[in-house]
Amino acid sequence: MGAIAFALAGVLFVVYEAAAPRADQTTLVGAESWTTVGWSVAHIAAIVALILIPLGYGALRGFFEGTRNEKTAFLAATTGYIGSGLTISYYGAEVYGLKAIGERAVADGDASMTEVGEAFRMDPTAMTVFAIGLALIAIAAVLAAVAVWRSGTLNRWSAVPLAVLLVTMLPQYFLPHSARIAWGALVTVAALWLAAELWKAAKPSVQEAELQNA
């Protein structure tokens, strides 16, 4: 299940970056982009991905049960859940709040309505919660990479690329759209690598359990 969670999360990250329209969001075209299916699909994909990543860390904790790495993986899962929860609150506002603002702006032909969207996106409370959430997501990814590195059962490098990419999640928001898509694609590759390693390592354990129950 952990392997599946990582794999799906990786795919959803690139969907998020590729599906969201990136028009100038101070214009009516930008406001209209908030009302599109692509905008909603992209941000819901990000929300689901952020739920799945800490689920994957939870699976790592179970895989490392009884070893010195169990506690580190547990901390990764716990930190990841909190970080994802805080970050998702911001994404939810982007999905539902900006859609409503965009619909009103388009209906009235009033581009100044986009200033309302910018006001709540850049609100100090919203930005603080968002930044703390992203910081916790980064810390969780590093903790998971440390647990994998020390495990001796998974390829020690297999969680490092995902950790590096999630640490850079905040700065990638300031990149051009094409670069953001490339970042999402790299997250997909990194998550699939970790998923494959966890899948391969888990198969012998499943087979042993089946033999014991036979």
N, C-alpha and C. Protein backbone atom coordinates (compact mmCIF):
# COMPACT_ATOMS: atom_id res chain seq x y z
N MET A 1 0.82 -1.20 0.00
CA MET A 1 0.00 0.00 0.00
C MET A 1 0.86 1.27 0.00
N GLY A 2 1.98 1.19 0.71
CA GLY A 2 2.88 2.34 0.72
C GLY A 2 3.46 2.61 -0.65
N ALA A 3 3.82 1.55 -1.36
CA ALA A 3 4.36 1.70 -2.71
C ALA A 3 3.33 2.33 -3.63
N ILE A 4 2.08 1.88 -3.51
CA ILE A 4 1.01 2.44 -4.34
C ILE A 4 0.79 3.91 -3.99
N ALA A 5 0.84 4.25 -2.70
CA ALA A 5 0.65 5.64 -2.28
C ALA A 5 1.72 6.54 -2.87
N PHE A 6 2.98 6.12 -2.80
CA PHE A 6 4.06 6.93 -3.37
C PHE A 6 3.90 7.08 -4.88
N ALA A 7 3.57 5.98 -5.56
CA ALA A 7 3.46 6.01 -7.02
C ALA A 7 2.33 6.95 -7.45
N LEU A 8 1.17 6.83 -6.83
CA LEU A 8 0.05 7.70 -7.19
C LEU A 8 0.36 9.16 -6.88
N ALA A 9 0.98 9.40 -5.73
CA ALA A 9 1.33 10.78 -5.36
C ALA A 9 2.26 11.38 -6.41
N GLY A 10 3.24 10.61 -6.85
CA GLY A 10 4.17 11.11 -7.85
C GLY A 10 3.47 11.51 -9.14
N VAL A 11 2.56 10.67 -9.60
CA VAL A 11 1.83 10.96 -10.83
C VAL A 11 0.96 12.21 -10.64
N LEU A 12 0.34 12.33 -9.48
CA LEU A 12 -0.55 13.47 -9.22
C LEU A 12 0.21 14.79 -9.15
N PHE A 13 1.46 14.75 -8.72
CA PHE A 13 2.25 15.99 -8.68
C PHE A 13 2.46 16.56 -10.08
N VAL A 14 2.75 15.69 -11.05
CA VAL A 14 2.95 16.22 -12.40
C VAL A 14 1.63 16.64 -13.02
N VAL A 15 0.53 15.96 -12.65
CA VAL A 15 -0.80 16.40 -13.10
C VAL A 15 -1.09 17.80 -12.58
N TYR A 16 -0.76 18.03 -11.32
CA TYR A 16 -0.96 19.35 -10.71
C TYR A 16 -0.24 20.43 -11.49
N GLU A 17 1.02 20.19 -11.79
CA GLU A 17 1.81 21.22 -12.45
C GLU A 17 1.41 21.41 -13.91
N ALA A 18 1.01 20.31 -14.57
CA ALA A 18 0.71 20.40 -16.00
C ALA A 18 -0.71 20.89 -16.28
N ALA A 19 -1.66 20.55 -15.41
CA ALA A 19 -3.07 20.83 -15.70
C ALA A 19 -3.48 22.26 -15.38
N ALA A 20 -2.82 22.89 -14.42
CA ALA A 20 -3.24 24.24 -14.00
C ALA A 20 -2.86 25.28 -15.05
N PRO A 21 -3.83 26.07 -15.52
CA PRO A 21 -3.49 27.17 -16.43
C PRO A 21 -2.71 28.25 -15.68
N ARG A 22 -1.74 28.86 -16.34
CA ARG A 22 -0.89 29.85 -15.67
C ARG A 22 -0.95 31.20 -16.38
N ALA A 23 -2.16 31.66 -16.66
CA ALA A 23 -2.33 32.97 -17.29
C ALA A 23 -2.01 34.07 -16.28
N ASP A 24 -1.81 35.28 -16.78
CA ASP A 24 -1.60 36.44 -15.91
C ASP A 24 -2.83 36.60 -15.02
N GLN A 25 -2.66 36.38 -13.73
CA GLN A 25 -3.80 36.31 -12.84
C GLN A 25 -4.24 37.67 -12.31
N THR A 26 -3.76 38.73 -12.94
CA THR A 26 -4.27 40.08 -12.62
C THR A 26 -5.24 40.54 -13.70
N THR A 27 -5.52 39.68 -14.68
CA THR A 27 -6.39 40.03 -15.81
C THR A 27 -7.66 39.20 -15.78
N LEU A 28 -8.61 39.55 -16.65
CA LEU A 28 -9.83 38.75 -16.76
C LEU A 28 -9.53 37.34 -17.28
N VAL A 29 -8.52 37.22 -18.13
CA VAL A 29 -8.12 35.89 -18.62
C VAL A 29 -7.64 35.05 -17.44
N GLY A 30 -6.88 35.67 -16.56
CA GLY A 30 -6.42 34.96 -15.37
C GLY A 30 -7.57 34.59 -14.46
N ALA A 31 -8.50 35.50 -14.28
CA ALA A 31 -9.67 35.21 -13.45
C ALA A 31 -10.48 34.06 -14.04
N GLU A 32 -10.60 34.06 -15.37
CA GLU A 32 -11.33 32.98 -16.02
C GLU A 32 -10.62 31.63 -15.83
N SER A 33 -9.29 31.67 -15.78
CA SER A 33 -8.54 30.42 -15.59
C SER A 33 -8.87 29.76 -14.26
N TRP A 34 -9.25 30.58 -13.26
CA TRP A 34 -9.62 30.03 -11.95
C TRP A 34 -10.91 29.22 -12.02
N THR A 35 -11.70 29.47 -13.04
CA THR A 35 -13.00 28.79 -13.16
C THR A 35 -12.92 27.52 -14.00
N THR A 36 -11.75 27.22 -14.56
CA THR A 36 -11.64 26.09 -15.49
C THR A 36 -11.54 24.75 -14.77
N VAL A 37 -11.84 23.71 -15.53
CA VAL A 37 -11.70 22.34 -15.02
C VAL A 37 -10.23 22.06 -14.69
N GLY A 38 -9.34 22.57 -15.55
CA GLY A 38 -7.91 22.33 -15.33
C GLY A 38 -7.44 22.85 -14.00
N TRP A 39 -7.92 24.05 -13.62
CA TRP A 39 -7.53 24.64 -12.33
C TRP A 39 -8.00 23.75 -11.17
N SER A 40 -9.26 23.30 -11.24
CA SER A 40 -9.79 22.46 -10.16
C SER A 40 -9.09 21.11 -10.11
N VAL A 41 -8.93 20.48 -11.28
CA VAL A 41 -8.28 19.17 -11.32
C VAL A 41 -6.86 19.25 -10.78
N ALA A 42 -6.14 20.30 -11.18
CA ALA A 42 -4.75 20.46 -10.75
C ALA A 42 -4.64 20.55 -9.23
N HIS A 43 -5.45 21.40 -8.63
CA HIS A 43 -5.31 21.62 -7.19
C HIS A 43 -5.88 20.46 -6.36
N ILE A 44 -6.90 19.80 -6.88
CA ILE A 44 -7.39 18.60 -6.18
C ILE A 44 -6.34 17.49 -6.28
N ALA A 45 -5.65 17.41 -7.42
CA ALA A 45 -4.56 16.43 -7.56
C ALA A 45 -3.48 16.68 -6.53
N ALA A 46 -3.15 17.97 -6.32
CA ALA A 46 -2.13 18.32 -5.32
C ALA A 46 -2.59 17.94 -3.92
N ILE A 47 -3.87 18.17 -3.62
CA ILE A 47 -4.40 17.83 -2.30
C ILE A 47 -4.30 16.33 -2.05
N VAL A 48 -4.72 15.52 -3.03
CA VAL A 48 -4.67 14.06 -2.87
C VAL A 48 -3.22 13.59 -2.74
N ALA A 49 -2.33 14.18 -3.54
CA ALA A 49 -0.91 13.81 -3.47
C ALA A 49 -0.34 14.08 -2.08
N LEU A 50 -0.72 15.22 -1.50
CA LEU A 50 -0.21 15.58 -0.18
C LEU A 50 -0.81 14.69 0.92
N ILE A 51 -1.94 14.07 0.65
CA ILE A 51 -2.49 13.09 1.59
C ILE A 51 -1.74 11.77 1.47
N LEU A 52 -1.41 11.39 0.24
CA LEU A 52 -0.80 10.09 -0.02
C LEU A 52 0.65 9.99 0.46
N ILE A 53 1.40 11.10 0.35
CA ILE A 53 2.82 11.05 0.72
C ILE A 53 3.01 10.61 2.18
N PRO A 54 2.36 11.24 3.17
CA PRO A 54 2.54 10.76 4.55
C PRO A 54 1.97 9.36 4.78
N LEU A 55 0.99 8.95 3.98
CA LEU A 55 0.53 7.55 4.06
C LEU A 55 1.67 6.61 3.68
N GLY A 56 2.44 7.03 2.67
CA GLY A 56 3.62 6.25 2.29
C GLY A 56 4.65 6.18 3.41
N TYR A 57 4.84 7.30 4.11
CA TYR A 57 5.77 7.30 5.24
C TYR A 57 5.27 6.36 6.34
N GLY A 58 3.94 6.32 6.52
CA GLY A 58 3.37 5.40 7.50
C GLY A 58 3.67 3.96 7.14
N ALA A 59 3.63 3.65 5.85
CA ALA A 59 3.97 2.30 5.40
C ALA A 59 5.45 2.00 5.66
N LEU A 60 6.30 3.01 5.48
CA LEU A 60 7.72 2.83 5.81
C LEU A 60 7.89 2.50 7.29
N ARG A 61 7.13 3.19 8.14
CA ARG A 61 7.21 2.90 9.58
C ARG A 61 6.86 1.44 9.85
N GLY A 62 5.80 0.96 9.20
CA GLY A 62 5.42 -0.44 9.37
C GLY A 62 6.49 -1.38 8.84
N PHE A 63 7.10 -1.01 7.72
CA PHE A 63 8.15 -1.85 7.13
C PHE A 63 9.37 -1.93 8.04
N PHE A 64 9.67 -0.83 8.74
CA PHE A 64 10.83 -0.78 9.62
C PHE A 64 10.50 -1.17 11.06
N GLU A 65 9.30 -1.69 11.29
CA GLU A 65 8.88 -2.01 12.65
C GLU A 65 9.89 -2.93 13.34
N GLY A 66 10.23 -2.57 14.56
CA GLY A 66 11.17 -3.37 15.33
C GLY A 66 12.62 -3.03 15.08
N THR A 67 12.88 -2.05 14.20
CA THR A 67 14.26 -1.63 13.93
C THR A 67 14.47 -0.21 14.45
N ARG A 68 15.71 0.22 14.44
CA ARG A 68 16.03 1.56 14.93
C ARG A 68 15.44 2.65 14.03
N ASN A 69 15.03 2.27 12.82
CA ASN A 69 14.50 3.25 11.88
C ASN A 69 12.99 3.45 12.01
N GLU A 70 12.35 2.63 12.84
CA GLU A 70 10.91 2.76 12.99
C GLU A 70 10.54 4.14 13.55
N LYS A 71 11.27 4.59 14.56
CA LYS A 71 10.95 5.87 15.18
C LYS A 71 11.13 7.03 14.19
N THR A 72 12.20 6.96 13.39
CA THR A 72 12.44 8.02 12.41
C THR A 72 11.33 8.06 11.37
N ALA A 73 10.92 6.88 10.91
CA ALA A 73 9.83 6.81 9.93
C ALA A 73 8.52 7.28 10.54
N PHE A 74 8.31 6.97 11.83
CA PHE A 74 7.11 7.43 12.52
C PHE A 74 7.09 8.96 12.60
N LEU A 75 8.25 9.55 12.91
CA LEU A 75 8.35 11.01 12.96
C LEU A 75 8.10 11.61 11.58
N ALA A 76 8.58 10.94 10.54
CA ALA A 76 8.34 11.42 9.17
C ALA A 76 6.85 11.41 8.86
N ALA A 77 6.18 10.32 9.22
CA ALA A 77 4.74 10.23 8.95
C ALA A 77 3.96 11.27 9.72
N THR A 78 4.27 11.42 11.00
CA THR A 78 3.54 12.37 11.85
C THR A 78 3.77 13.81 11.37
N THR A 79 5.02 14.15 11.12
CA THR A 79 5.35 15.49 10.63
C THR A 79 4.71 15.73 9.26
N GLY A 80 4.73 14.71 8.43
CA GLY A 80 4.14 14.82 7.10
C GLY A 80 2.64 15.05 7.14
N TYR A 81 1.95 14.33 8.04
CA TYR A 81 0.50 14.52 8.17
C TYR A 81 0.19 15.97 8.56
N ILE A 82 0.92 16.49 9.53
CA ILE A 82 0.66 17.86 9.99
C ILE A 82 0.97 18.86 8.88
N GLY A 83 2.12 18.68 8.25
CA GLY A 83 2.51 19.58 7.17
C GLY A 83 1.53 19.56 6.01
N SER A 84 1.09 18.37 5.63
CA SER A 84 0.13 18.26 4.53
C SER A 84 -1.20 18.91 4.91
N GLY A 85 -1.63 18.69 6.15
CA GLY A 85 -2.89 19.28 6.60
C GLY A 85 -2.86 20.79 6.51
N LEU A 86 -1.78 21.40 6.96
CA LEU A 86 -1.67 22.86 6.91
C LEU A 86 -1.61 23.36 5.47
N THR A 87 -0.86 22.66 4.63
CA THR A 87 -0.71 23.09 3.24
C THR A 87 -2.01 22.92 2.47
N ILE A 88 -2.72 21.83 2.74
CA ILE A 88 -3.98 21.56 2.04
C ILE A 88 -5.00 22.66 2.32
N SER A 89 -4.97 23.25 3.51
CA SER A 89 -5.93 24.31 3.82
C SER A 89 -5.77 25.47 2.83
N TYR A 90 -4.55 25.75 2.43
CA TYR A 90 -4.29 26.82 1.46
C TYR A 90 -4.75 26.41 0.07
N TYR A 91 -4.46 25.16 -0.31
CA TYR A 91 -4.89 24.67 -1.62
C TYR A 91 -6.41 24.66 -1.73
N GLY A 92 -7.09 24.32 -0.63
CA GLY A 92 -8.55 24.34 -0.65
C GLY A 92 -9.09 25.73 -0.97
N ALA A 93 -8.47 26.74 -0.38
CA ALA A 93 -8.88 28.11 -0.67
C ALA A 93 -8.65 28.45 -2.14
N GLU A 94 -7.55 27.95 -2.71
CA GLU A 94 -7.26 28.21 -4.11
C GLU A 94 -8.28 27.53 -5.03
N VAL A 95 -8.71 26.34 -4.65
CA VAL A 95 -9.69 25.64 -5.49
C VAL A 95 -11.05 26.32 -5.43
N TYR A 96 -11.56 26.53 -4.21
CA TYR A 96 -12.94 26.98 -4.07
C TYR A 96 -13.07 28.51 -4.02
N GLY A 97 -12.18 29.16 -3.29
CA GLY A 97 -12.27 30.61 -3.16
C GLY A 97 -11.99 31.33 -4.47
N LEU A 98 -10.89 30.96 -5.13
CA LEU A 98 -10.54 31.64 -6.37
C LEU A 98 -11.54 31.33 -7.48
N LYS A 99 -12.13 30.15 -7.45
CA LYS A 99 -13.14 29.82 -8.45
C LYS A 99 -14.33 30.77 -8.33
N ALA A 100 -14.79 31.00 -7.10
CA ALA A 100 -15.93 31.90 -6.89
C ALA A 100 -15.59 33.33 -7.31
N ILE A 101 -14.38 33.77 -6.95
CA ILE A 101 -13.95 35.12 -7.33
C ILE A 101 -13.84 35.24 -8.84
N GLY A 102 -13.26 34.21 -9.48
CA GLY A 102 -13.11 34.23 -10.93
C GLY A 102 -14.44 34.28 -11.64
N GLU A 103 -15.41 33.51 -11.17
CA GLU A 103 -16.73 33.50 -11.79
C GLU A 103 -17.39 34.88 -11.70
N ARG A 104 -17.24 35.52 -10.54
CA ARG A 104 -17.83 36.86 -10.36
C ARG A 104 -17.11 37.89 -11.24
N ALA A 105 -15.80 37.79 -11.31
CA ALA A 105 -15.03 38.74 -12.13
C ALA A 105 -15.41 38.63 -13.60
N VAL A 106 -15.55 37.39 -14.08
CA VAL A 106 -15.90 37.18 -15.49
C VAL A 106 -17.33 37.66 -15.75
N ALA A 107 -18.25 37.34 -14.83
CA ALA A 107 -19.64 37.75 -15.00
C ALA A 107 -19.79 39.27 -15.04
N ASP A 108 -19.02 39.97 -14.22
CA ASP A 108 -19.10 41.43 -14.14
C ASP A 108 -18.16 42.12 -15.12
N GLY A 109 -17.25 41.34 -15.73
CA GLY A 109 -16.24 41.95 -16.60
C GLY A 109 -15.32 42.87 -15.83
N ASP A 110 -15.04 42.50 -14.59
CA ASP A 110 -14.28 43.37 -13.69
C ASP A 110 -12.97 42.70 -13.27
N ALA A 111 -11.88 43.07 -13.94
CA ALA A 111 -10.58 42.47 -13.63
C ALA A 111 -10.07 42.84 -12.25
N SER A 112 -10.60 43.93 -11.68
CA SER A 112 -10.14 44.34 -10.34
C SER A 112 -10.53 43.33 -9.26
N MET A 113 -11.47 42.44 -9.57
CA MET A 113 -11.84 41.40 -8.62
C MET A 113 -10.67 40.47 -8.31
N THR A 114 -9.72 40.40 -9.23
CA THR A 114 -8.55 39.54 -8.98
C THR A 114 -7.74 40.04 -7.80
N GLU A 115 -7.89 41.33 -7.47
CA GLU A 115 -7.19 41.88 -6.31
C GLU A 115 -7.68 41.23 -5.01
N VAL A 116 -8.96 40.82 -5.00
CA VAL A 116 -9.50 40.13 -3.82
C VAL A 116 -8.81 38.78 -3.66
N GLY A 117 -8.66 38.08 -4.79
CA GLY A 117 -7.97 36.80 -4.73
C GLY A 117 -6.54 36.95 -4.25
N GLU A 118 -5.86 37.95 -4.77
CA GLU A 118 -4.48 38.19 -4.35
C GLU A 118 -4.40 38.56 -2.88
N ALA A 119 -5.43 39.27 -2.39
CA ALA A 119 -5.43 39.70 -0.99
C ALA A 119 -5.50 38.51 -0.04
N PHE A 120 -6.37 37.52 -0.34
CA PHE A 120 -6.43 36.41 0.60
C PHE A 120 -5.31 35.41 0.37
N ARG A 121 -4.76 35.36 -0.84
CA ARG A 121 -3.61 34.48 -1.07
C ARG A 121 -2.37 34.98 -0.33
N MET A 122 -2.21 36.30 -0.27
CA MET A 122 -1.04 36.89 0.37
C MET A 122 -1.31 37.34 1.79
N ASP A 123 -2.47 36.98 2.32
CA ASP A 123 -2.79 37.31 3.71
C ASP A 123 -1.72 36.75 4.64
N PRO A 124 -1.23 37.53 5.61
CA PRO A 124 -0.14 37.06 6.48
C PRO A 124 -0.45 35.72 7.19
N THR A 125 -1.68 35.57 7.66
CA THR A 125 -2.03 34.31 8.32
C THR A 125 -1.97 33.15 7.35
N ALA A 126 -2.56 33.35 6.17
CA ALA A 126 -2.57 32.29 5.16
C ALA A 126 -1.14 31.92 4.74
N MET A 127 -0.31 32.92 4.50
CA MET A 127 1.06 32.65 4.07
C MET A 127 1.87 31.98 5.16
N THR A 128 1.63 32.35 6.42
CA THR A 128 2.36 31.73 7.53
C THR A 128 2.00 30.26 7.65
N VAL A 129 0.70 29.97 7.61
CA VAL A 129 0.26 28.57 7.69
C VAL A 129 0.82 27.77 6.53
N PHE A 130 0.77 28.36 5.34
CA PHE A 130 1.27 27.68 4.14
C PHE A 130 2.77 27.40 4.25
N ALA A 131 3.52 28.40 4.69
CA ALA A 131 4.97 28.24 4.81
C ALA A 131 5.35 27.20 5.86
N ILE A 132 4.64 27.20 6.98
CA ILE A 132 4.91 26.20 8.02
C ILE A 132 4.59 24.81 7.49
N GLY A 133 3.47 24.70 6.77
CA GLY A 133 3.11 23.41 6.19
C GLY A 133 4.17 22.89 5.24
N LEU A 134 4.67 23.75 4.36
CA LEU A 134 5.71 23.34 3.41
C LEU A 134 7.01 22.98 4.12
N ALA A 135 7.34 23.72 5.18
CA ALA A 135 8.54 23.41 5.95
C ALA A 135 8.43 22.03 6.59
N LEU A 136 7.27 21.71 7.13
CA LEU A 136 7.07 20.40 7.75
C LEU A 136 7.09 19.29 6.71
N ILE A 137 6.55 19.55 5.53
CA ILE A 137 6.61 18.57 4.44
C ILE A 137 8.07 18.28 4.09
N ALA A 138 8.88 19.32 4.03
CA ALA A 138 10.31 19.16 3.72
C ALA A 138 11.01 18.35 4.82
N ILE A 139 10.73 18.68 6.08
CA ILE A 139 11.36 17.97 7.21
C ILE A 139 10.96 16.50 7.18
N ALA A 140 9.69 16.23 6.92
CA ALA A 140 9.22 14.85 6.87
C ALA A 140 9.94 14.07 5.78
N ALA A 141 10.12 14.67 4.61
CA ALA A 141 10.79 14.00 3.51
C ALA A 141 12.24 13.68 3.86
N VAL A 142 12.90 14.60 4.55
CA VAL A 142 14.29 14.37 4.97
C VAL A 142 14.36 13.24 5.99
N LEU A 143 13.43 13.23 6.95
CA LEU A 143 13.40 12.16 7.95
C LEU A 143 13.19 10.80 7.28
N ALA A 144 12.28 10.76 6.31
CA ALA A 144 12.04 9.50 5.61
C ALA A 144 13.29 9.05 4.86
N ALA A 145 13.99 10.00 4.25
CA ALA A 145 15.22 9.66 3.52
C ALA A 145 16.29 9.13 4.48
N VAL A 146 16.36 9.72 5.67
CA VAL A 146 17.33 9.24 6.68
C VAL A 146 17.00 7.81 7.09
N ALA A 147 15.72 7.54 7.31
CA ALA A 147 15.31 6.18 7.70
C ALA A 147 15.65 5.18 6.61
N VAL A 148 15.39 5.53 5.36
CA VAL A 148 15.69 4.63 4.25
C VAL A 148 17.20 4.45 4.10
N TRP A 149 17.94 5.54 4.24
CA TRP A 149 19.39 5.50 4.08
C TRP A 149 20.02 4.53 5.09
N ARG A 150 19.52 4.54 6.32
CA ARG A 150 20.11 3.71 7.38
C ARG A 150 19.53 2.30 7.43
N SER A 151 18.54 2.02 6.61
CA SER A 151 17.79 0.77 6.76
C SER A 151 18.59 -0.48 6.41
N GLY A 152 19.37 -0.39 5.33
CA GLY A 152 20.09 -1.58 4.89
C GLY A 152 19.22 -2.56 4.12
N THR A 153 17.92 -2.27 4.01
CA THR A 153 17.00 -3.15 3.28
C THR A 153 16.49 -2.52 2.00
N LEU A 154 16.48 -1.20 1.95
CA LEU A 154 16.10 -0.48 0.74
C LEU A 154 17.33 0.23 0.18
N ASN A 155 17.33 0.46 -1.12
CA ASN A 155 18.42 1.22 -1.71
C ASN A 155 18.57 2.55 -0.98
N ARG A 156 19.75 2.81 -0.45
CA ARG A 156 19.91 3.97 0.43
C ARG A 156 19.65 5.30 -0.27
N TRP A 157 19.80 5.33 -1.60
CA TRP A 157 19.58 6.57 -2.34
C TRP A 157 18.12 6.75 -2.76
N SER A 158 17.29 5.73 -2.59
CA SER A 158 15.97 5.74 -3.22
C SER A 158 15.02 6.81 -2.70
N ALA A 159 15.23 7.30 -1.48
CA ALA A 159 14.35 8.35 -0.95
C ALA A 159 14.99 9.74 -1.02
N VAL A 160 16.24 9.80 -1.42
CA VAL A 160 16.95 11.09 -1.45
C VAL A 160 16.39 12.04 -2.50
N PRO A 161 16.19 11.60 -3.76
CA PRO A 161 15.66 12.55 -4.76
C PRO A 161 14.31 13.14 -4.36
N LEU A 162 13.41 12.32 -3.81
CA LEU A 162 12.11 12.84 -3.40
C LEU A 162 12.26 13.86 -2.29
N ALA A 163 13.17 13.59 -1.35
CA ALA A 163 13.41 14.53 -0.26
C ALA A 163 13.93 15.86 -0.80
N VAL A 164 14.89 15.80 -1.71
CA VAL A 164 15.46 17.02 -2.28
C VAL A 164 14.37 17.84 -2.99
N LEU A 165 13.53 17.17 -3.75
CA LEU A 165 12.49 17.86 -4.50
C LEU A 165 11.43 18.47 -3.59
N LEU A 166 11.05 17.75 -2.54
CA LEU A 166 10.04 18.31 -1.63
C LEU A 166 10.62 19.45 -0.79
N VAL A 167 11.92 19.43 -0.55
CA VAL A 167 12.55 20.57 0.12
C VAL A 167 12.47 21.81 -0.76
N THR A 168 12.49 21.61 -2.07
CA THR A 168 12.44 22.74 -3.01
C THR A 168 11.02 23.05 -3.47
N MET A 169 10.03 22.54 -2.78
CA MET A 169 8.64 22.77 -3.20
C MET A 169 8.27 24.25 -3.15
N LEU A 170 8.72 24.97 -2.14
CA LEU A 170 8.40 26.39 -2.05
C LEU A 170 9.03 27.20 -3.17
N PRO A 171 10.34 27.13 -3.40
CA PRO A 171 10.92 27.96 -4.46
C PRO A 171 10.42 27.63 -5.86
N GLN A 172 9.96 26.39 -6.09
CA GLN A 172 9.51 26.05 -7.44
C GLN A 172 8.26 26.81 -7.84
N TYR A 173 7.52 27.36 -6.87
CA TYR A 173 6.34 28.15 -7.20
C TYR A 173 6.70 29.41 -7.99
N PHE A 174 7.94 29.85 -7.90
CA PHE A 174 8.36 31.08 -8.55
C PHE A 174 9.00 30.82 -9.91
N LEU A 175 8.98 29.57 -10.36
CA LEU A 175 9.57 29.22 -11.65
C LEU A 175 8.56 29.42 -12.78
N PRO A 176 9.03 29.53 -14.03
CA PRO A 176 8.12 29.55 -15.18
C PRO A 176 7.32 28.25 -15.25
N HIS A 177 6.20 28.30 -15.96
CA HIS A 177 5.31 27.13 -16.01
C HIS A 177 6.02 25.88 -16.50
N SER A 178 6.84 26.02 -17.55
CA SER A 178 7.54 24.85 -18.10
C SER A 178 8.48 24.25 -17.07
N ALA A 179 9.14 25.09 -16.29
CA ALA A 179 10.06 24.60 -15.26
C ALA A 179 9.29 23.92 -14.14
N ARG A 180 8.10 24.43 -13.83
CA ARG A 180 7.28 23.81 -12.80
C ARG A 180 6.81 22.43 -13.25
N ILE A 181 6.47 22.30 -14.54
CA ILE A 181 6.08 20.98 -15.06
C ILE A 181 7.26 20.02 -14.97
N ALA A 182 8.46 20.51 -15.30
CA ALA A 182 9.66 19.67 -15.20
C ALA A 182 9.89 19.24 -13.75
N TRP A 183 9.67 20.15 -12.80
CA TRP A 183 9.80 19.80 -11.37
C TRP A 183 8.80 18.70 -11.02
N GLY A 184 7.56 18.86 -11.48
CA GLY A 184 6.55 17.84 -11.19
C GLY A 184 6.92 16.49 -11.79
N ALA A 185 7.49 16.51 -13.00
CA ALA A 185 7.91 15.26 -13.63
C ALA A 185 9.03 14.59 -12.84
N LEU A 186 9.94 15.39 -12.31
CA LEU A 186 11.02 14.84 -11.49
C LEU A 186 10.48 14.23 -10.20
N VAL A 187 9.46 14.87 -9.62
CA VAL A 187 8.83 14.31 -8.43
C VAL A 187 8.21 12.95 -8.76
N THR A 188 7.59 12.86 -9.93
CA THR A 188 7.00 11.59 -10.36
C THR A 188 8.06 10.50 -10.43
N VAL A 189 9.17 10.80 -11.08
CA VAL A 189 10.25 9.81 -11.22
C VAL A 189 10.79 9.41 -9.85
N ALA A 190 11.02 10.40 -8.98
CA ALA A 190 11.57 10.13 -7.66
C ALA A 190 10.61 9.28 -6.82
N ALA A 191 9.33 9.62 -6.88
CA ALA A 191 8.34 8.87 -6.10
C ALA A 191 8.19 7.44 -6.62
N LEU A 192 8.25 7.28 -7.94
CA LEU A 192 8.14 5.94 -8.53
C LEU A 192 9.35 5.08 -8.15
N TRP A 193 10.53 5.70 -8.06
CA TRP A 193 11.71 4.93 -7.64
C TRP A 193 11.54 4.42 -6.22
N LEU A 194 11.13 5.28 -5.32
CA LEU A 194 10.92 4.86 -3.93
C LEU A 194 9.81 3.81 -3.85
N ALA A 195 8.75 3.99 -4.64
CA ALA A 195 7.66 3.02 -4.66
C ALA A 195 8.15 1.66 -5.13
N ALA A 196 8.98 1.65 -6.17
CA ALA A 196 9.51 0.39 -6.70
C ALA A 196 10.39 -0.32 -5.69
N GLU A 197 11.22 0.44 -4.98
CA GLU A 197 12.10 -0.16 -3.97
C GLU A 197 11.27 -0.76 -2.83
N LEU A 198 10.25 -0.03 -2.40
CA LEU A 198 9.41 -0.53 -1.31
C LEU A 198 8.63 -1.76 -1.75
N TRP A 199 8.15 -1.75 -2.98
CA TRP A 199 7.40 -2.89 -3.53
C TRP A 199 8.28 -4.13 -3.57
N LYS A 200 9.50 -3.97 -4.09
CA LYS A 200 10.41 -5.13 -4.20
C LYS A 200 10.78 -5.67 -2.82
N ALA A 201 11.03 -4.77 -1.89
CA ALA A 201 11.43 -5.21 -0.55
C ALA A 201 10.28 -5.86 0.21
N ALA A 202 9.06 -5.43 -0.07
CA ALA A 202 7.90 -5.95 0.66
C ALA A 202 7.47 -7.31 0.16
N LYS A 203 7.73 -7.65 -1.09
CA LYS A 203 7.25 -8.90 -1.67
C LYS A 203 7.74 -10.14 -0.91
N PRO A 204 9.04 -10.22 -0.55
CA PRO A 204 9.47 -11.40 0.22
C PRO A 204 8.75 -11.53 1.55
N SER A 205 8.48 -10.39 2.21
CA SER A 205 7.79 -10.43 3.49
C SER A 205 6.36 -10.96 3.32
N VAL A 206 5.71 -10.55 2.25
CA VAL A 206 4.35 -11.04 1.98
C VAL A 206 4.36 -12.52 1.70
N GLN A 207 5.34 -12.97 0.92
CA GLN A 207 5.44 -14.40 0.59
C GLN A 207 5.70 -15.22 1.85
N GLU A 208 6.56 -14.73 2.74
CA GLU A 208 6.86 -15.44 3.98
C GLU A 208 5.60 -15.55 4.85
N ALA A 209 4.83 -14.47 4.90
CA ALA A 209 3.59 -14.47 5.69
C ALA A 209 2.60 -15.48 5.12
N GLU A 210 2.53 -15.57 3.80
CA GLU A 210 1.60 -16.52 3.17
C GLU A 210 2.02 -17.96 3.48
N LEU A 211 3.34 -18.21 3.48
CA LEU A 211 3.82 -19.56 3.79
C LEU A 211 3.52 -19.93 5.24
N GLN A 212 3.66 -18.96 6.15
CA GLN A 212 3.40 -19.22 7.56
C GLN A 212 1.91 -19.50 7.80
N ASN A 213 1.05 -18.86 7.00
CA ASN A 213 -0.39 -19.06 7.17
C ASN A 213 -0.92 -20.27 6.43
N ALA A 214 -0.06 -20.87 5.58
CA ALA A 214 -0.52 -22.03 4.80
C ALA A 214 -0.67 -23.28 5.68
